[in-house]
Each structure stands twice: as structure tokens, then as C-alpha cells.
Amino acid sequence: MLEETDNVIGLEVYTPEGIFLGQVDRVILDVPNKKVDGLFMETASPVLVDEGVSINIPYGWVQSVGDVVLLRYFPKRVSRNGRVEQ
């Protein structure tokens, strides 16, 4: 688990294909279970996410956190109506 969530806020997020997705705005915590639940992004790349759609990336999709966040999975497209293209 991450020691300090403040270090993650503002990090750039990349898909497994190396496409820039956006920056982490908030870290979502599962306090009762003392673990990170997800990474919240207010805005994301319009290449992958419809404009105006905020997303919460499940922490299980995260491959690594360092200078950037690298995902092990992200769908092809997330649309405004909640539809996800795999």
C-alpha cells in the first residue's frame, strides 16, 4: 500500500499502451479495510473518455506507481452514458 497519498495526487496516468490518460486528482481510500480503492480523475484524455466524464480507476488496474502511474488495464473507451468499450 502507498505510504503517502499526497505523493500520488498530480501524477500522470498512462494506459498499458502508453497513451496519456490524465492526472490523478484524488486517491480514494477504503478506510475500514485500510487500503487504496481507486484513483479519481476529474478530467481525462478525450481520446479515451468522453468530455466531461470523471472516472475512478480501480486500484487493481494499477500496475505501478512511481514518477507516473502505469495501468495494467484500461478499456478502449468510456462514454458519457456510462458505456465502456472493452
PDB file of N, CA and C in Angstrom:
ATOM      1  N   MET A   1       0.842  -1.179   0.000  1.00  0.00           N
ATOM      2  CA  MET A   1       0.000   0.000   0.000  1.00  0.00           C
ATOM      3  C   MET A   1       0.886   1.240   0.000  1.00  0.00           C
ATOM      4  N   LEU A   2       0.357   2.331  -0.496  1.00  0.00           N
ATOM      5  CA  LEU A   2       1.088   3.588  -0.553  1.00  0.00           C
ATOM      6  C   LEU A   2       1.224   4.184   0.840  1.00  0.00           C
ATOM      7  N   GLU A   3       2.395   4.706   1.137  1.00  0.00           N
ATOM      8  CA  GLU A   3       2.597   5.335   2.434  1.00  0.00           C
ATOM      9  C   GLU A   3       1.934   6.696   2.504  1.00  0.00           C
ATOM     10  N   GLU A   4       2.096   7.495   1.450  1.00  0.00           N
ATOM     11  CA  GLU A   4       1.544   8.838   1.451  1.00  0.00           C
ATOM     12  C   GLU A   4       0.744   9.067   0.186  1.00  0.00           C
ATOM     13  N   THR A   5      -0.542   9.299   0.351  1.00  0.00           N
ATOM     14  CA  THR A   5      -1.392   9.503  -0.821  1.00  0.00           C
ATOM     15  C   THR A   5      -1.108  10.839  -1.492  1.00  0.00           C
ATOM     16  N   ASP A   6      -0.603  11.819  -0.742  1.00  0.00           N
ATOM     17  CA  ASP A   6      -0.290  13.130  -1.334  1.00  0.00           C
ATOM     18  C   ASP A   6       0.724  13.008  -2.461  1.00  0.00           C
ATOM     19  N   ASN A   7       1.610  12.028  -2.390  1.00  0.00           N
ATOM     20  CA  ASN A   7       2.629  11.844  -3.425  1.00  0.00           C
ATOM     21  C   ASN A   7       2.032  11.377  -4.748  1.00  0.00           C
ATOM     22  N   VAL A   8       0.823  10.832  -4.719  1.00  0.00           N
ATOM     23  CA  VAL A   8       0.183  10.297  -5.924  1.00  0.00           C
ATOM     24  C   VAL A   8      -0.644  11.371  -6.631  1.00  0.00           C
ATOM     25  N   ILE A   9      -1.203  12.289  -5.864  1.00  0.00           N
ATOM     26  CA  ILE A   9      -2.032  13.347  -6.448  1.00  0.00           C
ATOM     27  C   ILE A   9      -1.177  14.194  -7.388  1.00  0.00           C
ATOM     28  N   GLY A  10      -1.659  14.355  -8.611  1.00  0.00           N
ATOM     29  CA  GLY A  10      -0.947  15.127  -9.623  1.00  0.00           C
ATOM     30  C   GLY A  10      -0.087  14.281 -10.554  1.00  0.00           C
ATOM     31  N   LEU A  11       0.104  12.996 -10.225  1.00  0.00           N
ATOM     32  CA  LEU A  11       0.897  12.144 -11.109  1.00  0.00           C
ATOM     33  C   LEU A  11       0.154  11.899 -12.424  1.00  0.00           C
ATOM     34  N   GLU A  12       0.908  11.801 -13.505  1.00  0.00           N
ATOM     35  CA  GLU A  12       0.338  11.476 -14.808  1.00  0.00           C
ATOM     36  C   GLU A  12       0.020   9.986 -14.859  1.00  0.00           C
ATOM     37  N   VAL A  13      -1.078   9.652 -15.535  1.00  0.00           N
ATOM     38  CA  VAL A  13      -1.530   8.269 -15.654  1.00  0.00           C
ATOM     39  C   VAL A  13      -1.450   7.850 -17.122  1.00  0.00           C
ATOM     40  N   TYR A  14      -0.879   6.667 -17.362  1.00  0.00           N
ATOM     41  CA  TYR A  14      -0.730   6.133 -18.715  1.00  0.00           C
ATOM     42  C   TYR A  14      -1.357   4.746 -18.813  1.00  0.00           C
ATOM     43  N   THR A  15      -1.965   4.477 -19.962  1.00  0.00           N
ATOM     44  CA  THR A  15      -2.562   3.164 -20.227  1.00  0.00           C
ATOM     45  C   THR A  15      -1.443   2.157 -20.515  1.00  0.00           C
ATOM     46  N   PRO A  16      -1.775   0.863 -20.579  1.00  0.00           N
ATOM     47  CA  PRO A  16      -0.754  -0.132 -20.916  1.00  0.00           C
ATOM     48  C   PRO A  16      -0.109   0.114 -22.276  1.00  0.00           C
ATOM     49  N   GLU A  17      -0.825   0.795 -23.166  1.00  0.00           N
ATOM     50  CA  GLU A  17      -0.297   1.107 -24.500  1.00  0.00           C
ATOM     51  C   GLU A  17       0.551   2.371 -24.505  1.00  0.00           C
ATOM     52  N   GLY A  18       0.684   3.031 -23.352  1.00  0.00           N
ATOM     53  CA  GLY A  18       1.480   4.246 -23.250  1.00  0.00           C
ATOM     54  C   GLY A  18       0.740   5.516 -23.604  1.00  0.00           C
ATOM     55  N   ILE A  19      -0.588   5.462 -23.690  1.00  0.00           N
ATOM     56  CA  ILE A  19      -1.395   6.642 -24.009  1.00  0.00           C
ATOM     57  C   ILE A  19      -1.633   7.434 -22.729  1.00  0.00           C
ATOM     58  N   PHE A  20      -1.374   8.740 -22.784  1.00  0.00           N
ATOM     59  CA  PHE A  20      -1.606   9.615 -21.629  1.00  0.00           C
ATOM     60  C   PHE A  20      -3.098   9.697 -21.351  1.00  0.00           C
ATOM     61  N   LEU A  21      -3.495   9.379 -20.116  1.00  0.00           N
ATOM     62  CA  LEU A  21      -4.903   9.394 -19.727  1.00  0.00           C
ATOM     63  C   LEU A  21      -5.268  10.674 -18.983  1.00  0.00           C
ATOM     64  N   GLY A  22      -4.382  11.180 -18.155  1.00  0.00           N
ATOM     65  CA  GLY A  22      -4.661  12.382 -17.374  1.00  0.00           C
ATOM     66  C   GLY A  22      -3.835  12.393 -16.109  1.00  0.00           C
ATOM     67  N   GLN A  23      -4.290  13.181 -15.122  1.00  0.00           N
ATOM     68  CA  GLN A  23      -3.590  13.281 -13.852  1.00  0.00           C
ATOM     69  C   GLN A  23      -4.515  12.885 -12.717  1.00  0.00           C
ATOM     70  N   VAL A  24      -3.934  12.293 -11.690  1.00  0.00           N
ATOM     71  CA  VAL A  24      -4.687  11.877 -10.501  1.00  0.00           C
ATOM     72  C   VAL A  24      -5.115  13.131  -9.732  1.00  0.00           C
ATOM     73  N   ASP A  25      -6.419  13.253  -9.467  1.00  0.00           N
ATOM     74  CA  ASP A  25      -6.939  14.373  -8.685  1.00  0.00           C
ATOM     75  C   ASP A  25      -7.140  14.001  -7.220  1.00  0.00           C
ATOM     76  N   ARG A  26      -7.547  12.748  -6.994  1.00  0.00           N
ATOM     77  CA  ARG A  26      -7.794  12.273  -5.631  1.00  0.00           C
ATOM     78  C   ARG A  26      -7.477  10.793  -5.531  1.00  0.00           C
ATOM     79  N   VAL A  27      -7.102  10.377  -4.343  1.00  0.00           N
ATOM     80  CA  VAL A  27      -6.918   8.956  -4.055  1.00  0.00           C
ATOM     81  C   VAL A  27      -8.107   8.529  -3.211  1.00  0.00           C
ATOM     82  N   ILE A  28      -8.820   7.510  -3.658  1.00  0.00           N
ATOM     83  CA  ILE A  28      -9.998   7.013  -2.949  1.00  0.00           C
ATOM     84  C   ILE A  28      -9.559   5.897  -2.005  1.00  0.00           C
ATOM     85  N   LEU A  29      -9.851   6.076  -0.721  1.00  0.00           N
ATOM     86  CA  LEU A  29      -9.429   5.109   0.286  1.00  0.00           C
ATOM     87  C   LEU A  29     -10.599   4.273   0.787  1.00  0.00           C
ATOM     88  N   ASP A  30     -10.339   3.019   1.044  1.00  0.00           N
ATOM     89  CA  ASP A  30     -11.268   2.112   1.721  1.00  0.00           C
ATOM     90  C   ASP A  30     -10.782   2.076   3.167  1.00  0.00           C
ATOM     91  N   VAL A  31     -11.289   3.003   3.971  1.00  0.00           N
ATOM     92  CA  VAL A  31     -10.784   3.198   5.330  1.00  0.00           C
ATOM     93  C   VAL A  31     -10.997   1.964   6.216  1.00  0.00           C
ATOM     94  N   PRO A  32     -12.192   1.346   6.220  1.00  0.00           N
ATOM     95  CA  PRO A  32     -12.364   0.181   7.098  1.00  0.00           C
ATOM     96  C   PRO A  32     -11.358  -0.943   6.814  1.00  0.00           C
ATOM     97  N   ASN A  33     -11.007  -1.121   5.547  1.00  0.00           N
ATOM     98  CA  ASN A  33     -10.074  -2.188   5.181  1.00  0.00           C
ATOM     99  C   ASN A  33      -8.643  -1.698   5.038  1.00  0.00           C
ATOM    100  N   LYS A  34      -8.415  -0.405   5.283  1.00  0.00           N
ATOM    101  CA  LYS A  34      -7.079   0.200   5.255  1.00  0.00           C
ATOM    102  C   LYS A  34      -6.337  -0.070   3.955  1.00  0.00           C
ATOM    103  N   LYS A  35      -7.017   0.267   2.834  1.00  0.00           N
ATOM    104  CA  LYS A  35      -6.361   0.086   1.541  1.00  0.00           C
ATOM    105  C   LYS A  35      -6.816   1.151   0.551  1.00  0.00           C
ATOM    106  N   VAL A  36      -6.047   1.300  -0.507  1.00  0.00           N
ATOM    107  CA  VAL A  36      -6.409   2.230  -1.582  1.00  0.00           C
ATOM    108  C   VAL A  36      -7.449   1.537  -2.448  1.00  0.00           C
ATOM    109  N   ASP A  37      -8.551   2.240  -2.722  1.00  0.00           N
ATOM    110  CA  ASP A  37      -9.627   1.679  -3.531  1.00  0.00           C
ATOM    111  C   ASP A  37      -9.522   2.099  -4.990  1.00  0.00           C
ATOM    112  N   GLY A  38      -9.093   3.345  -5.234  1.00  0.00           N
ATOM    113  CA  GLY A  38      -9.016   3.803  -6.613  1.00  0.00           C
ATOM    114  C   GLY A  38      -8.354   5.151  -6.742  1.00  0.00           C
ATOM    115  N   LEU A  39      -8.155   5.539  -8.000  1.00  0.00           N
ATOM    116  CA  LEU A  39      -7.588   6.840  -8.333  1.00  0.00           C
ATOM    117  C   LEU A  39      -8.630   7.614  -9.121  1.00  0.00           C
ATOM    118  N   PHE A  40      -9.029   8.767  -8.615  1.00  0.00           N
ATOM    119  CA  PHE A  40     -10.089   9.563  -9.219  1.00  0.00           C
ATOM    120  C   PHE A  40      -9.491  10.635 -10.107  1.00  0.00           C
ATOM    121  N   MET A  41     -10.094  10.793 -11.294  1.00  0.00           N
ATOM    122  CA  MET A  41      -9.666  11.818 -12.239  1.00  0.00           C
ATOM    123  C   MET A  41     -10.880  12.642 -12.666  1.00  0.00           C
ATOM    124  N   GLU A  42     -10.820  13.955 -12.403  1.00  0.00           N
ATOM    125  CA  GLU A  42     -11.896  14.872 -12.813  1.00  0.00           C
ATOM    126  C   GLU A  42     -12.037  14.897 -14.317  1.00  0.00           C
ATOM    127  N   THR A  43     -10.897  15.012 -15.000  1.00  0.00           N
ATOM    128  CA  THR A  43     -10.906  15.055 -16.459  1.00  0.00           C
ATOM    129  C   THR A  43      -9.891  14.041 -16.979  1.00  0.00           C
ATOM    130  N   ALA A  44     -10.200  13.496 -18.127  1.00  0.00           N
ATOM    131  CA  ALA A  44      -9.321  12.503 -18.744  1.00  0.00           C
ATOM    132  C   ALA A  44      -9.197  12.815 -20.233  1.00  0.00           C
ATOM    133  N   SER A  45      -8.250  12.182 -20.864  1.00  0.00           N
ATOM    134  CA  SER A  45      -7.993  12.408 -22.278  1.00  0.00           C
ATOM    135  C   SER A  45      -9.247  12.152 -23.111  1.00  0.00           C
ATOM    136  N   PRO A  46      -9.622  13.097 -23.980  1.00  0.00           N
ATOM    137  CA  PRO A  46     -10.790  12.898 -24.831  1.00  0.00           C
ATOM    138  C   PRO A  46     -10.588  11.774 -25.856  1.00  0.00           C
ATOM    139  N   VAL A  47      -9.377  11.323 -26.003  1.00  0.00           N
ATOM    140  CA  VAL A  47      -9.107  10.183 -26.887  1.00  0.00           C
ATOM    141  C   VAL A  47      -9.722   8.906 -26.308  1.00  0.00           C
ATOM    142  N   LEU A  48      -9.789   8.833 -24.966  1.00  0.00           N
ATOM    143  CA  LEU A  48     -10.256   7.616 -24.297  1.00  0.00           C
ATOM    144  C   LEU A  48     -11.559   7.784 -23.522  1.00  0.00           C
ATOM    145  N   VAL A  49     -11.864   9.021 -23.122  1.00  0.00           N
ATOM    146  CA  VAL A  49     -13.016   9.277 -22.256  1.00  0.00           C
ATOM    147  C   VAL A  49     -13.794  10.466 -22.814  1.00  0.00           C
ATOM    148  N   ASP A  50     -15.129  10.331 -22.905  1.00  0.00           N
ATOM    149  CA  ASP A  50     -15.951  11.446 -23.376  1.00  0.00           C
ATOM    150  C   ASP A  50     -15.711  12.683 -22.516  1.00  0.00           C
ATOM    151  N   GLU A  51     -15.763  13.848 -23.137  1.00  0.00           N
ATOM    152  CA  GLU A  51     -15.547  15.108 -22.435  1.00  0.00           C
ATOM    153  C   GLU A  51     -16.550  15.276 -21.302  1.00  0.00           C
ATOM    154  N   GLY A  52     -16.061  15.746 -20.161  1.00  0.00           N
ATOM    155  CA  GLY A  52     -16.930  15.993 -19.011  1.00  0.00           C
ATOM    156  C   GLY A  52     -17.189  14.780 -18.144  1.00  0.00           C
ATOM    157  N   VAL A  53     -16.618  13.637 -18.477  1.00  0.00           N
ATOM    158  CA  VAL A  53     -16.828  12.415 -17.695  1.00  0.00           C
ATOM    159  C   VAL A  53     -15.658  12.237 -16.731  1.00  0.00           C
ATOM    160  N   SER A  54     -15.968  12.193 -15.432  1.00  0.00           N
ATOM    161  CA  SER A  54     -14.965  11.894 -14.415  1.00  0.00           C
ATOM    162  C   SER A  54     -14.868  10.384 -14.272  1.00  0.00           C
ATOM    163  N   ILE A  55     -13.679   9.894 -13.925  1.00  0.00           N
ATOM    164  CA  ILE A  55     -13.511   8.454 -13.792  1.00  0.00           C
ATOM    165  C   ILE A  55     -12.793   8.101 -12.498  1.00  0.00           C
ATOM    166  N   ASN A  56     -13.118   6.929 -11.972  1.00  0.00           N
ATOM    167  CA  ASN A  56     -12.432   6.364 -10.823  1.00  0.00           C
ATOM    168  C   ASN A  56     -11.788   5.072 -11.308  1.00  0.00           C
ATOM    169  N   ILE A  57     -10.477   5.053 -11.328  1.00  0.00           N
ATOM    170  CA  ILE A  57      -9.754   3.874 -11.801  1.00  0.00           C
ATOM    171  C   ILE A  57      -9.574   2.923 -10.627  1.00  0.00           C
ATOM    172  N   PRO A  58     -10.120   1.711 -10.706  1.00  0.00           N
ATOM    173  CA  PRO A  58      -9.926   0.751  -9.613  1.00  0.00           C
ATOM    174  C   PRO A  58      -8.435   0.493  -9.399  1.00  0.00           C
ATOM    175  N   TYR A  59      -8.030   0.424  -8.142  1.00  0.00           N
ATOM    176  CA  TYR A  59      -6.603   0.277  -7.866  1.00  0.00           C
ATOM    177  C   TYR A  59      -6.051  -1.048  -8.388  1.00  0.00           C
ATOM    178  N   GLY A  60      -6.906  -2.023  -8.580  1.00  0.00           N
ATOM    179  CA  GLY A  60      -6.482  -3.299  -9.159  1.00  0.00           C
ATOM    180  C   GLY A  60      -5.999  -3.151 -10.599  1.00  0.00           C
ATOM    181  N   TRP A  61      -6.366  -2.063 -11.258  1.00  0.00           N
ATOM    182  CA  TRP A  61      -5.930  -1.821 -12.638  1.00  0.00           C
ATOM    183  C   TRP A  61      -4.546  -1.182 -12.687  1.00  0.00           C
ATOM    184  N   VAL A  62      -4.019  -0.761 -11.533  1.00  0.00           N
ATOM    185  CA  VAL A  62      -2.729  -0.087 -11.482  1.00  0.00           C
ATOM    186  C   VAL A  62      -1.603  -1.119 -11.472  1.00  0.00           C
ATOM    187  N   GLN A  63      -0.683  -0.955 -12.406  1.00  0.00           N
ATOM    188  CA  GLN A  63       0.475  -1.845 -12.471  1.00  0.00           C
ATOM    189  C   GLN A  63       1.596  -1.325 -11.579  1.00  0.00           C
ATOM    190  N   SER A  64       1.871  -0.016 -11.675  1.00  0.00           N
ATOM    191  CA  SER A  64       2.939   0.547 -10.858  1.00  0.00           C
ATOM    192  C   SER A  64       2.719   2.033 -10.629  1.00  0.00           C
ATOM    193  N   VAL A  65       3.303   2.505  -9.518  1.00  0.00           N
ATOM    194  CA  VAL A  65       3.270   3.919  -9.165  1.00  0.00           C
ATOM    195  C   VAL A  65       4.701   4.335  -8.883  1.00  0.00           C
ATOM    196  N   GLY A  66       5.150   5.360  -9.573  1.00  0.00           N
ATOM    197  CA  GLY A  66       6.500   5.891  -9.379  1.00  0.00           C
ATOM    198  C   GLY A  66       6.485   7.344  -9.770  1.00  0.00           C
ATOM    199  N   ASP A  67       7.262   7.684 -10.785  1.00  0.00           N
ATOM    200  CA  ASP A  67       7.228   9.049 -11.319  1.00  0.00           C
ATOM    201  C   ASP A  67       5.919   9.295 -12.060  1.00  0.00           C
ATOM    202  N   VAL A  68       5.309   8.218 -12.548  1.00  0.00           N
ATOM    203  CA  VAL A  68       3.999   8.230 -13.209  1.00  0.00           C
ATOM    204  C   VAL A  68       3.220   7.014 -12.717  1.00  0.00           C
ATOM    205  N   VAL A  69       1.946   6.968 -13.068  1.00  0.00           N
ATOM    206  CA  VAL A  69       1.120   5.788 -12.779  1.00  0.00           C
ATOM    207  C   VAL A  69       0.956   5.029 -14.088  1.00  0.00           C
ATOM    208  N   LEU A  70       1.311   3.778 -14.085  1.00  0.00           N
ATOM    209  CA  LEU A  70       1.152   2.919 -15.254  1.00  0.00           C
ATOM    210  C   LEU A  70       0.053   1.908 -14.963  1.00  0.00           C
ATOM    211  N   LEU A  71      -0.940   1.861 -15.864  1.00  0.00           N
ATOM    212  CA  LEU A  71      -2.052   0.933 -15.675  1.00  0.00           C
ATOM    213  C   LEU A  71      -1.774  -0.407 -16.339  1.00  0.00           C
ATOM    214  N   ARG A  72      -2.311  -1.458 -15.756  1.00  0.00           N
ATOM    215  CA  ARG A  72      -2.220  -2.779 -16.377  1.00  0.00           C
ATOM    216  C   ARG A  72      -3.432  -3.018 -17.286  1.00  0.00           C
ATOM    217  N   TYR A  73      -4.502  -2.201 -17.086  1.00  0.00           N
ATOM    218  CA  TYR A  73      -5.714  -2.333 -17.893  1.00  0.00           C
ATOM    219  C   TYR A  73      -6.424  -0.989 -17.951  1.00  0.00           C
ATOM    220  N   PHE A  74      -7.008  -0.695 -19.101  1.00  0.00           N
ATOM    221  CA  PHE A  74      -7.954   0.404 -19.258  1.00  0.00           C
ATOM    222  C   PHE A  74      -8.783   0.091 -20.496  1.00  0.00           C
ATOM    223  N   PRO A  75     -10.116   0.296 -20.435  1.00  0.00           N
ATOM    224  CA  PRO A  75     -10.955  -0.011 -21.602  1.00  0.00           C
ATOM    225  C   PRO A  75     -10.625   0.871 -22.804  1.00  0.00           C
ATOM    226  N   LYS A  76     -11.083   0.441 -23.978  1.00  0.00           N
ATOM    227  CA  LYS A  76     -10.838   1.217 -25.204  1.00  0.00           C
ATOM    228  C   LYS A  76     -11.438   2.608 -25.114  1.00  0.00           C
ATOM    229  N   ARG A  77     -12.631   2.705 -24.528  1.00  0.00           N
ATOM    230  CA  ARG A  77     -13.338   3.987 -24.482  1.00  0.00           C
ATOM    231  C   ARG A  77     -14.353   3.979 -23.346  1.00  0.00           C
ATOM    232  N   VAL A  78     -14.509   5.125 -22.680  1.00  0.00           N
ATOM    233  CA  VAL A  78     -15.530   5.324 -21.658  1.00  0.00           C
ATOM    234  C   VAL A  78     -16.419   6.457 -22.152  1.00  0.00           C
ATOM    235  N   SER A  79     -17.725   6.182 -22.270  1.00  0.00           N
ATOM    236  CA  SER A  79     -18.626   7.200 -22.814  1.00  0.00           C
ATOM    237  C   SER A  79     -19.446   7.874 -21.722  1.00  0.00           C
ATOM    238  N   ARG A  80     -20.046   8.976 -22.101  1.00  0.00           N
ATOM    239  CA  ARG A  80     -20.858   9.794 -21.185  1.00  0.00           C
ATOM    240  C   ARG A  80     -22.022   9.010 -20.585  1.00  0.00           C
ATOM    241  N   ASN A  81     -22.606   8.111 -21.340  1.00  0.00           N
ATOM    242  CA  ASN A  81     -23.770   7.365 -20.843  1.00  0.00           C
ATOM    243  C   ASN A  81     -23.369   6.176 -19.956  1.00  0.00           C
ATOM    244  N   GLY A  82     -22.086   6.092 -19.607  1.00  0.00           N
ATOM    245  CA  GLY A  82     -21.616   5.025 -18.730  1.00  0.00           C
ATOM    246  C   GLY A  82     -21.195   3.770 -19.453  1.00  0.00           C
ATOM    247  N   ARG A  83     -21.338   3.775 -20.785  1.00  0.00           N
ATOM    248  CA  ARG A  83     -20.953   2.602 -21.555  1.00  0.00           C
ATOM    249  C   ARG A  83     -19.438   2.513 -21.656  1.00  0.00           C
ATOM    250  N   VAL A  84     -18.935   1.314 -21.509  1.00  0.00           N
ATOM    251  CA  VAL A  84     -17.492   1.067 -21.579  1.00  0.00           C
ATOM    252  C   VAL A  84     -17.241   0.114 -22.735  1.00  0.00           C
ATOM    253  N   GLU A  85     -16.357   0.512 -23.644  1.00  0.00           N
ATOM    254  CA  GLU A  85     -15.971  -0.371 -24.747  1.00  0.00           C
ATOM    255  C   GLU A  85     -14.722  -1.127 -24.330  1.00  0.00           C
ATOM    256  N   GLN A  86     -14.798  -2.433 -24.386  1.00  0.00           N
ATOM    257  CA  GLN A  86     -13.676  -3.281 -23.954  1.00  0.00           C
ATOM    258  C   GLN A  86     -12.671  -3.472 -25.053  1.00  0.00           C
TER     259      GLN A  86
END
